[in-house]
């Protein structure tokens, strides 16, 4: 049940992400600067499958991936492509319009259900929702704060986190309020709190992205934000020149290198 919030400013935005996962999963690598088809980006790396759940590129475009649960019956015998690889393959998009065009080219039946958020320097943000059967797009996602991983089995978690967010947001929304929200144990430390703790799972990292017209900063804390002691920081300069992307890993639903994705049935 990951949680995402973001706040717009005159010259950019701030974005916050709590990643909730099973404690049995491999530990992720912190944010790394990489390059995809000539576009620089920063993203942490999933320890199990090499994908990611959050990233930002030099155009100031951030992507966040949240799993969806209980939308339809998963075919356990199908070799789904890791959802985290989808996010990485989109990180050379130079803006919201390019992102939307790219997402519609994928054969989404190869992926388990997900929600994908795109935030750029200029509004609006965009939200892609794949239930496993139906695909939909929210073209003005800035009204959707906060986002929590959708779960048909446990809808009360998302409702509780929204209620706690509204209680904290007594006036104008600020970065301090958002960070307090992501570190909070309201209404109590457990499965319903944004800094989540439950048997076999917890919040395993806290990410903070700050984007302006001049620079990008990716801050990352490994472990629950109530316990982490140090924030890793990676900076990236803003790029304004849009260049034609090179050949993509995924095109119109075809996987060019099946060895990269065979059997990857988790994010």
C-alpha atoms as a PDB file:
ATOM      1  CA  UNK A   1       0.000   0.000   0.000  1.00  0.00           C
ATOM      2  CA  UNK A   2       2.500   2.647  -1.185  1.00  0.00           C
ATOM      3  CA  UNK A   3       1.640   6.338  -0.792  1.00  0.00           C
ATOM      4  CA  UNK A   4       2.482   9.280  -3.081  1.00  0.00           C
ATOM      5  CA  UNK A   5       1.928  13.025  -2.632  1.00  0.00           C
ATOM      6  CA  UNK A   6       3.152  16.033  -4.572  1.00  0.00           C
ATOM      7  CA  UNK A   7       3.055  19.806  -4.332  1.00  0.00           C
ATOM      8  CA  UNK A   8       3.303  22.333  -7.151  1.00  0.00           C
ATOM      9  CA  UNK A   9       5.343  25.523  -6.916  1.00  0.00           C
ATOM     10  CA  UNK A  10       5.727  28.453  -9.309  1.00  0.00           C
ATOM     11  CA  UNK A  11       8.963  27.009 -10.720  1.00  0.00           C
ATOM     12  CA  UNK A  12       8.386  23.271 -10.325  1.00  0.00           C
ATOM     13  CA  UNK A  13       7.192  20.741  -7.768  1.00  0.00           C
ATOM     14  CA  UNK A  14       8.056  18.432  -4.879  1.00  0.00           C
ATOM     15  CA  UNK A  15       7.080  14.753  -4.844  1.00  0.00           C
ATOM     16  CA  UNK A  16       7.107  12.248  -1.946  1.00  0.00           C
ATOM     17  CA  UNK A  17       6.850   8.440  -2.085  1.00  0.00           C
ATOM     18  CA  UNK A  18       6.631   5.812   0.680  1.00  0.00           C
ATOM     19  CA  UNK A  19       7.312   2.363  -0.716  1.00  0.00           C
ATOM     20  CA  UNK A  20       5.570  -0.434   1.208  1.00  0.00           C
ATOM     21  CA  UNK A  21       6.788  -3.963   0.522  1.00  0.00           C
ATOM     22  CA  UNK A  22       7.146  -7.423   1.994  1.00  0.00           C
ATOM     23  CA  UNK A  23      10.199  -7.580   4.241  1.00  0.00           C
ATOM     24  CA  UNK A  24      11.228 -10.851   2.512  1.00  0.00           C
ATOM     25  CA  UNK A  25      12.031  -9.000  -0.737  1.00  0.00           C
ATOM     26  CA  UNK A  26      15.614  -8.182  -1.644  1.00  0.00           C
ATOM     27  CA  UNK A  27      16.860  -4.786  -0.488  1.00  0.00           C
ATOM     28  CA  UNK A  28      16.714  -2.169  -3.253  1.00  0.00           C
ATOM     29  CA  UNK A  29      19.671  -0.085  -4.393  1.00  0.00           C
ATOM     30  CA  UNK A  30      19.429   3.637  -3.704  1.00  0.00           C
ATOM     31  CA  UNK A  31      18.957   6.173  -6.513  1.00  0.00           C
ATOM     32  CA  UNK A  32      21.474   5.895  -9.331  1.00  0.00           C
ATOM     33  CA  UNK A  33      22.116   8.273 -12.228  1.00  0.00           C
ATOM     34  CA  UNK A  34      21.742   6.392 -15.497  1.00  0.00           C
ATOM     35  CA  UNK A  35      21.085   7.121 -19.157  1.00  0.00           C
ATOM     36  CA  UNK A  36      18.444   5.734 -21.505  1.00  0.00           C
ATOM     37  CA  UNK A  37      18.563   6.476 -25.241  1.00  0.00           C
ATOM     38  CA  UNK A  38      20.518   9.657 -24.616  1.00  0.00           C
ATOM     39  CA  UNK A  39      18.349  10.890 -21.697  1.00  0.00           C
ATOM     40  CA  UNK A  40      19.777  11.060 -18.171  1.00  0.00           C
ATOM     41  CA  UNK A  41      17.612   9.992 -15.247  1.00  0.00           C
ATOM     42  CA  UNK A  42      17.805   9.097 -11.563  1.00  0.00           C
ATOM     43  CA  UNK A  43      15.997   6.088 -10.074  1.00  0.00           C
ATOM     44  CA  UNK A  44      16.449   3.496  -7.321  1.00  0.00           C
ATOM     45  CA  UNK A  45      16.682  -0.133  -8.449  1.00  0.00           C
ATOM     46  CA  UNK A  46      14.454  -2.964  -7.252  1.00  0.00           C
ATOM     47  CA  UNK A  47      16.484  -5.747  -5.647  1.00  0.00           C
ATOM     48  CA  UNK A  48      14.428  -8.576  -7.140  1.00  0.00           C
ATOM     49  CA  UNK A  49      13.913  -7.700 -10.798  1.00  0.00           C
ATOM     50  CA  UNK A  50      15.989  -4.641 -11.602  1.00  0.00           C
ATOM     51  CA  UNK A  51      13.084  -2.320 -12.342  1.00  0.00           C
ATOM     52  CA  UNK A  52      11.971   0.695 -10.324  1.00  0.00           C
ATOM     53  CA  UNK A  53       8.928   2.251  -8.711  1.00  0.00           C
ATOM     54  CA  UNK A  54       9.999   5.907  -9.010  1.00  0.00           C
ATOM     55  CA  UNK A  55      12.318   7.968 -11.207  1.00  0.00           C
ATOM     56  CA  UNK A  56      12.928  11.452 -12.595  1.00  0.00           C
ATOM     57  CA  UNK A  57      14.656  12.441 -15.827  1.00  0.00           C
ATOM     58  CA  UNK A  58      16.582  15.522 -16.930  1.00  0.00           C
ATOM     59  CA  UNK A  59      13.460  17.025 -18.528  1.00  0.00           C
ATOM     60  CA  UNK A  60      11.970  17.261 -15.029  1.00  0.00           C
ATOM     61  CA  UNK A  61       9.477  14.436 -15.623  1.00  0.00           C
ATOM     62  CA  UNK A  62       8.860  12.155 -12.621  1.00  0.00           C
ATOM     63  CA  UNK A  63       7.183   8.746 -12.848  1.00  0.00           C
ATOM     64  CA  UNK A  64       5.717   6.768  -9.940  1.00  0.00           C
ATOM     65  CA  UNK A  65       4.361   3.234 -10.105  1.00  0.00           C
ATOM     66  CA  UNK A  66       1.861   1.806  -7.625  1.00  0.00           C
ATOM     67  CA  UNK A  67       0.565  -1.758  -7.678  1.00  0.00           C
ATOM     68  CA  UNK A  68      -3.146  -2.476  -7.820  1.00  0.00           C
ATOM     69  CA  UNK A  69      -4.596  -5.429  -5.935  1.00  0.00           C
ATOM     70  CA  UNK A  70      -7.798  -7.399  -6.303  1.00  0.00           C
ATOM     71  CA  UNK A  71      -9.001  -5.832  -9.579  1.00  0.00           C
ATOM     72  CA  UNK A  72      -9.245  -9.206 -11.299  1.00  0.00           C
ATOM     73  CA  UNK A  73      -8.047 -12.771 -10.884  1.00  0.00           C
ATOM     74  CA  UNK A  74      -4.331 -13.028 -11.695  1.00  0.00           C
ATOM     75  CA  UNK A  75      -3.261 -15.873 -13.988  1.00  0.00           C
ATOM     76  CA  UNK A  76      -0.499 -17.407 -11.873  1.00  0.00           C
ATOM     77  CA  UNK A  77       0.752 -19.465 -14.838  1.00  0.00           C
ATOM     78  CA  UNK A  78       1.390 -16.439 -17.046  1.00  0.00           C
ATOM     79  CA  UNK A  79       4.861 -14.916 -17.385  1.00  0.00           C
ATOM     80  CA  UNK A  80       4.020 -11.281 -16.677  1.00  0.00           C
ATOM     81  CA  UNK A  81       6.588  -8.596 -17.425  1.00  0.00           C
ATOM     82  CA  UNK A  82       7.852  -6.728 -14.362  1.00  0.00           C
ATOM     83  CA  UNK A  83       5.950  -3.467 -13.937  1.00  0.00           C
ATOM     84  CA  UNK A  84       9.142  -1.790 -12.790  1.00  0.00           C
ATOM     85  CA  UNK A  85      10.682  -2.395 -16.218  1.00  0.00           C
ATOM     86  CA  UNK A  86       7.777  -0.523 -17.780  1.00  0.00           C
ATOM     87  CA  UNK A  87       8.572   2.544 -15.667  1.00  0.00           C
ATOM     88  CA  UNK A  88      12.273   2.419 -16.578  1.00  0.00           C
ATOM     89  CA  UNK A  89      11.514   2.101 -20.282  1.00  0.00           C
ATOM     90  CA  UNK A  90       9.414   5.283 -20.144  1.00  0.00           C
ATOM     91  CA  UNK A  91      12.039   7.424 -18.402  1.00  0.00           C
ATOM     92  CA  UNK A  92      13.350   8.939 -21.643  1.00  0.00           C
ATOM     93  CA  UNK A  93       9.976  10.625 -22.318  1.00  0.00           C
ATOM     94  CA  UNK A  94      10.476  14.375 -22.714  1.00  0.00           C
ATOM     95  CA  UNK A  95       7.086  15.391 -21.312  1.00  0.00           C
ATOM     96  CA  UNK A  96       3.513  14.418 -20.510  1.00  0.00           C
ATOM     97  CA  UNK A  97       2.339  14.243 -24.118  1.00  0.00           C
ATOM     98  CA  UNK A  98       5.190  11.942 -25.119  1.00  0.00           C
ATOM     99  CA  UNK A  99       4.560   9.819 -22.032  1.00  0.00           C
ATOM    100  CA  UNK A 100       0.877   9.377 -22.874  1.00  0.00           C
ATOM    101  CA  UNK A 101       1.690   8.433 -26.451  1.00  0.00           C
ATOM    102  CA  UNK A 102       4.261   5.891 -25.301  1.00  0.00           C
ATOM    103  CA  UNK A 103       2.016   4.212 -22.716  1.00  0.00           C
ATOM    104  CA  UNK A 104      -0.738   3.631 -25.286  1.00  0.00           C
ATOM    105  CA  UNK A 105       1.747   1.701 -27.474  1.00  0.00           C
ATOM    106  CA  UNK A 106       2.221  -1.063 -24.909  1.00  0.00           C
ATOM    107  CA  UNK A 107       0.349  -4.344 -24.795  1.00  0.00           C
ATOM    108  CA  UNK A 108      -0.719  -3.894 -21.181  1.00  0.00           C
ATOM    109  CA  UNK A 109      -2.018  -7.465 -20.888  1.00  0.00           C
ATOM    110  CA  UNK A 110       1.627  -8.425 -20.295  1.00  0.00           C
ATOM    111  CA  UNK A 111       1.585  -6.533 -16.977  1.00  0.00           C
ATOM    112  CA  UNK A 112      -0.173  -7.069 -13.683  1.00  0.00           C
ATOM    113  CA  UNK A 113      -2.510  -4.202 -12.671  1.00  0.00           C
ATOM    114  CA  UNK A 114      -0.896  -0.860 -11.857  1.00  0.00           C
ATOM    115  CA  UNK A 115      -1.354   2.881 -11.470  1.00  0.00           C
ATOM    116  CA  UNK A 116       1.290   5.061 -13.130  1.00  0.00           C
ATOM    117  CA  UNK A 117       1.665   8.751 -12.259  1.00  0.00           C
ATOM    118  CA  UNK A 118       3.488  11.288 -14.415  1.00  0.00           C
ATOM    119  CA  UNK A 119       4.392  14.742 -13.014  1.00  0.00           C
ATOM    120  CA  UNK A 120       6.172  17.422 -15.065  1.00  0.00           C
ATOM    121  CA  UNK A 121       7.308  20.984 -14.329  1.00  0.00           C
ATOM    122  CA  UNK A 122       4.252  22.416 -16.051  1.00  0.00           C
ATOM    123  CA  UNK A 123       0.809  21.112 -15.018  1.00  0.00           C
ATOM    124  CA  UNK A 124      -1.290  19.118 -15.344  1.00  0.00           C
ATOM    125  CA  UNK A 125      -0.072  15.744 -14.096  1.00  0.00           C
ATOM    126  CA  UNK A 126      -1.395  12.525 -15.620  1.00  0.00           C
ATOM    127  CA  UNK A 127      -2.542   9.201 -14.197  1.00  0.00           C
ATOM    128  CA  UNK A 128      -2.700   5.878 -16.069  1.00  0.00           C
ATOM    129  CA  UNK A 129      -4.744   3.065 -14.526  1.00  0.00           C
ATOM    130  CA  UNK A 130      -4.608  -0.539 -15.694  1.00  0.00           C
ATOM    131  CA  UNK A 131      -6.916  -2.971 -13.902  1.00  0.00           C
ATOM    132  CA  UNK A 132      -5.850  -6.027 -15.896  1.00  0.00           C
ATOM    133  CA  UNK A 133      -8.989  -5.652 -18.031  1.00  0.00           C
ATOM    134  CA  UNK A 134      -9.583  -1.921 -18.472  1.00  0.00           C
ATOM    135  CA  UNK A 135      -7.213   0.982 -19.189  1.00  0.00           C
ATOM    136  CA  UNK A 136      -8.111   4.561 -18.254  1.00  0.00           C
ATOM    137  CA  UNK A 137      -6.367   7.942 -18.169  1.00  0.00           C
ATOM    138  CA  UNK A 138      -6.880  10.866 -15.765  1.00  0.00           C
ATOM    139  CA  UNK A 139      -5.525  13.934 -17.558  1.00  0.00           C
ATOM    140  CA  UNK A 140      -5.716  16.298 -14.561  1.00  0.00           C
ATOM    141  CA  UNK A 141      -4.242  14.212 -11.764  1.00  0.00           C
ATOM    142  CA  UNK A 142      -3.188  17.148  -9.573  1.00  0.00           C
ATOM    143  CA  UNK A 143      -6.529  16.825  -7.790  1.00  0.00           C
ATOM    144  CA  UNK A 144      -5.738  13.191  -6.855  1.00  0.00           C
ATOM    145  CA  UNK A 145      -3.330  13.869  -3.951  1.00  0.00           C
ATOM    146  CA  UNK A 146      -2.689  11.643  -2.034  1.00  0.00           C
ATOM    147  CA  UNK A 147      -2.379   8.432  -4.052  1.00  0.00           C
ATOM    148  CA  UNK A 148      -2.343   5.070  -2.282  1.00  0.00           C
ATOM    149  CA  UNK A 149      -1.924   1.673  -3.906  1.00  0.00           C
ATOM    150  CA  UNK A 150      -5.409   0.552  -4.837  1.00  0.00           C
ATOM    151  CA  UNK A 151      -6.689  -2.529  -3.053  1.00  0.00           C
ATOM    152  CA  UNK A 152     -10.154  -3.966  -3.531  1.00  0.00           C
ATOM    153  CA  UNK A 153      -9.422  -6.289  -0.594  1.00  0.00           C
ATOM    154  CA  UNK A 154      -8.459  -3.549   1.895  1.00  0.00           C
ATOM    155  CA  UNK A 155     -10.204  -0.319   0.839  1.00  0.00           C
ATOM    156  CA  UNK A 156     -10.156   0.951   4.415  1.00  0.00           C
ATOM    157  CA  UNK A 157      -6.406   1.621   4.288  1.00  0.00           C
ATOM    158  CA  UNK A 158      -6.687   4.159   1.471  1.00  0.00           C
ATOM    159  CA  UNK A 159      -9.706   5.776   3.159  1.00  0.00           C
ATOM    160  CA  UNK A 160      -7.882   6.103   6.489  1.00  0.00           C
ATOM    161  CA  UNK A 161      -4.769   7.630   4.898  1.00  0.00           C
ATOM    162  CA  UNK A 162      -6.893  10.151   3.020  1.00  0.00           C
ATOM    163  CA  UNK A 163      -8.640  11.116   6.251  1.00  0.00           C
ATOM    164  CA  UNK A 164      -5.312  11.595   8.044  1.00  0.00           C
ATOM    165  CA  UNK A 165      -4.063  13.719   5.153  1.00  0.00           C
ATOM    166  CA  UNK A 166      -7.107  15.980   5.388  1.00  0.00           C
ATOM    167  CA  UNK A 167      -6.556  16.379   9.143  1.00  0.00           C
ATOM    168  CA  UNK A 168      -2.950  17.479   8.601  1.00  0.00           C
ATOM    169  CA  UNK A 169      -3.911  19.804   5.769  1.00  0.00           C
ATOM    170  CA  UNK A 170      -5.576  22.427   7.942  1.00  0.00           C
ATOM    171  CA  UNK A 171      -4.494  25.341   5.743  1.00  0.00           C
ATOM    172  CA  UNK A 172      -2.185  25.865   2.794  1.00  0.00           C
ATOM    173  CA  UNK A 173      -0.364  22.708   1.765  1.00  0.00           C
ATOM    174  CA  UNK A 174       3.414  22.888   2.343  1.00  0.00           C
ATOM    175  CA  UNK A 175       6.451  20.635   1.956  1.00  0.00           C
ATOM    176  CA  UNK A 176       6.682  20.378   5.740  1.00  0.00           C
ATOM    177  CA  UNK A 177       3.112  19.044   5.918  1.00  0.00           C
ATOM    178  CA  UNK A 178       3.783  16.451   3.203  1.00  0.00           C
ATOM    179  CA  UNK A 179       6.961  15.229   4.879  1.00  0.00           C
ATOM    180  CA  UNK A 180       5.174  15.005   8.233  1.00  0.00           C
ATOM    181  CA  UNK A 181       2.424  12.979   6.551  1.00  0.00           C
ATOM    182  CA  UNK A 182       4.901  10.487   5.070  1.00  0.00           C
ATOM    183  CA  UNK A 183       6.684  10.008   8.396  1.00  0.00           C
ATOM    184  CA  UNK A 184       3.499   9.719  10.440  1.00  0.00           C
ATOM    185  CA  UNK A 185       2.036   6.811  12.413  1.00  0.00           C
ATOM    186  CA  UNK A 186      -1.485   8.254  12.456  1.00  0.00           C
ATOM    187  CA  UNK A 187      -3.954   7.074  13.634  1.00  0.00           C
ATOM    188  CA  UNK A 188      -1.475   4.615  15.206  1.00  0.00           C
ATOM    189  CA  UNK A 189       1.602   2.668  14.167  1.00  0.00           C
ATOM    190  CA  UNK A 190       0.373  -0.218  12.032  1.00  0.00           C
ATOM    191  CA  UNK A 191      -1.019  -1.279   8.662  1.00  0.00           C
ATOM    192  CA  UNK A 192      -3.151   1.863   8.255  1.00  0.00           C
ATOM    193  CA  UNK A 193      -0.442   4.458   8.970  1.00  0.00           C
ATOM    194  CA  UNK A 194       1.448   6.043   6.057  1.00  0.00           C
ATOM    195  CA  UNK A 195       4.739   4.942   7.638  1.00  0.00           C
ATOM    196  CA  UNK A 196       3.453   1.385   7.587  1.00  0.00           C
ATOM    197  CA  UNK A 197       4.310  -1.526   9.897  1.00  0.00           C
ATOM    198  CA  UNK A 198       2.590  -4.904   9.797  1.00  0.00           C
ATOM    199  CA  UNK A 199       3.617  -8.538  10.107  1.00  0.00           C
ATOM    200  CA  UNK A 200       5.774  -9.455   7.123  1.00  0.00           C
ATOM    201  CA  UNK A 201       5.691  -5.994   5.510  1.00  0.00           C
ATOM    202  CA  UNK A 202       6.552  -2.369   6.181  1.00  0.00           C
ATOM    203  CA  UNK A 203       7.492   0.909   4.549  1.00  0.00           C
ATOM    204  CA  UNK A 204      10.932   0.047   3.155  1.00  0.00           C
ATOM    205  CA  UNK A 205      11.984   3.445   1.747  1.00  0.00           C
ATOM    206  CA  UNK A 206      11.090   7.126   1.559  1.00  0.00           C
ATOM    207  CA  UNK A 207      11.826   9.165  -1.591  1.00  0.00           C
ATOM    208  CA  UNK A 208      11.674  12.933  -2.070  1.00  0.00           C
ATOM    209  CA  UNK A 209      12.076  14.581  -5.487  1.00  0.00           C
ATOM    210  CA  UNK A 210      12.412  18.364  -5.827  1.00  0.00           C
ATOM    211  CA  UNK A 211      12.282  19.802  -9.359  1.00  0.00           C
ATOM    212  CA  UNK A 212      12.767  23.438 -10.384  1.00  0.00           C
ATOM    213  CA  UNK A 213      13.537  25.221 -13.659  1.00  0.00           C
ATOM    214  CA  UNK A 214      17.259  24.893 -12.896  1.00  0.00           C
ATOM    215  CA  UNK A 215      17.878  21.594 -11.119  1.00  0.00           C
ATOM    216  CA  UNK A 216      16.577  18.284  -9.851  1.00  0.00           C
ATOM    217  CA  UNK A 217      17.331  16.707  -6.472  1.00  0.00           C
ATOM    218  CA  UNK A 218      16.423  13.107  -5.565  1.00  0.00           C
ATOM    219  CA  UNK A 219      16.547  12.350  -1.829  1.00  0.00           C
ATOM    220  CA  UNK A 220      16.261   8.750  -0.613  1.00  0.00           C
ATOM    221  CA  UNK A 221      16.074   7.123   2.813  1.00  0.00           C
ATOM    222  CA  UNK A 222      16.346   3.348   3.059  1.00  0.00           C
ATOM    223  CA  UNK A 223      14.073   1.748   5.628  1.00  0.00           C
ATOM    224  CA  UNK A 224      10.961   3.146   7.330  1.00  0.00           C
ATOM    225  CA  UNK A 225      11.129   6.979   7.485  1.00  0.00           C
ATOM    226  CA  UNK A 226      10.511   6.812  11.250  1.00  0.00           C
ATOM    227  CA  UNK A 227      13.813   4.940  11.638  1.00  0.00           C
ATOM    228  CA  UNK A 228      16.094   6.148   8.824  1.00  0.00           C
ATOM    229  CA  UNK A 229      19.003   8.316   9.910  1.00  0.00           C
ATOM    230  CA  UNK A 230      20.485   9.565   6.629  1.00  0.00           C
ATOM    231  CA  UNK A 231      19.127  10.771   3.294  1.00  0.00           C
ATOM    232  CA  UNK A 232      21.084   9.915   0.151  1.00  0.00           C
ATOM    233  CA  UNK A 233      20.951  12.773  -2.354  1.00  0.00           C
ATOM    234  CA  UNK A 234      21.527  12.678  -6.132  1.00  0.00           C
ATOM    235  CA  UNK A 235      21.348  15.844  -8.245  1.00  0.00           C
ATOM    236  CA  UNK A 236      20.642  16.279 -11.950  1.00  0.00           C
ATOM    237  CA  UNK A 237      20.678  19.381 -14.161  1.00  0.00           C
ATOM    238  CA  UNK A 238      17.581  20.373 -16.116  1.00  0.00           C
ATOM    239  CA  UNK A 239      17.800  19.795 -19.869  1.00  0.00           C
ATOM    240  CA  UNK A 240      15.671  21.926 -22.189  1.00  0.00           C
ATOM    241  CA  UNK A 241      16.626  20.583 -25.628  1.00  0.00           C
ATOM    242  CA  UNK A 242      14.379  17.732 -26.744  1.00  0.00           C
ATOM    243  CA  UNK A 243      16.171  15.222 -28.919  1.00  0.00           C
ATOM    244  CA  UNK A 244      14.671  12.358 -30.876  1.00  0.00           C
ATOM    245  CA  UNK A 245      14.765   9.166 -28.749  1.00  0.00           C
ATOM    246  CA  UNK A 246      16.621   6.084 -29.917  1.00  0.00           C
ATOM    247  CA  UNK A 247      15.032   2.684 -30.479  1.00  0.00           C
ATOM    248  CA  UNK A 248      12.847   1.564 -27.571  1.00  0.00           C
ATOM    249  CA  UNK A 249      13.000  -1.627 -25.571  1.00  0.00           C
ATOM    250  CA  UNK A 250       9.234  -2.182 -25.941  1.00  0.00           C
ATOM    251  CA  UNK A 251       7.408  -1.215 -29.158  1.00  0.00           C
ATOM    252  CA  UNK A 252       3.703  -1.779 -29.775  1.00  0.00           C
ATOM    253  CA  UNK A 253       3.619  -4.633 -27.297  1.00  0.00           C
ATOM    254  CA  UNK A 254       6.623  -6.533 -28.688  1.00  0.00           C
ATOM    255  CA  UNK A 255       9.517  -7.265 -26.350  1.00  0.00           C
ATOM    256  CA  UNK A 256      12.708  -6.859 -28.394  1.00  0.00           C
ATOM    257  CA  UNK A 257      14.811  -8.729 -25.845  1.00  0.00           C
ATOM    258  CA  UNK A 258      12.670 -11.402 -24.159  1.00  0.00           C
ATOM    259  CA  UNK A 259      15.580 -12.488 -21.947  1.00  0.00           C
ATOM    260  CA  UNK A 260      15.168  -9.256 -19.989  1.00  0.00           C
ATOM    261  CA  UNK A 261      11.587  -9.931 -19.042  1.00  0.00           C
ATOM    262  CA  UNK A 262      11.016 -13.685 -19.042  1.00  0.00           C
ATOM    263  CA  UNK A 263       9.388 -14.826 -15.794  1.00  0.00           C
ATOM    264  CA  UNK A 264       9.466 -11.448 -14.084  1.00  0.00           C
ATOM    265  CA  UNK A 265       6.101 -11.624 -12.376  1.00  0.00           C
ATOM    266  CA  UNK A 266       6.573  -8.912  -9.774  1.00  0.00           C
ATOM    267  CA  UNK A 267       7.033  -5.140  -9.958  1.00  0.00           C
END
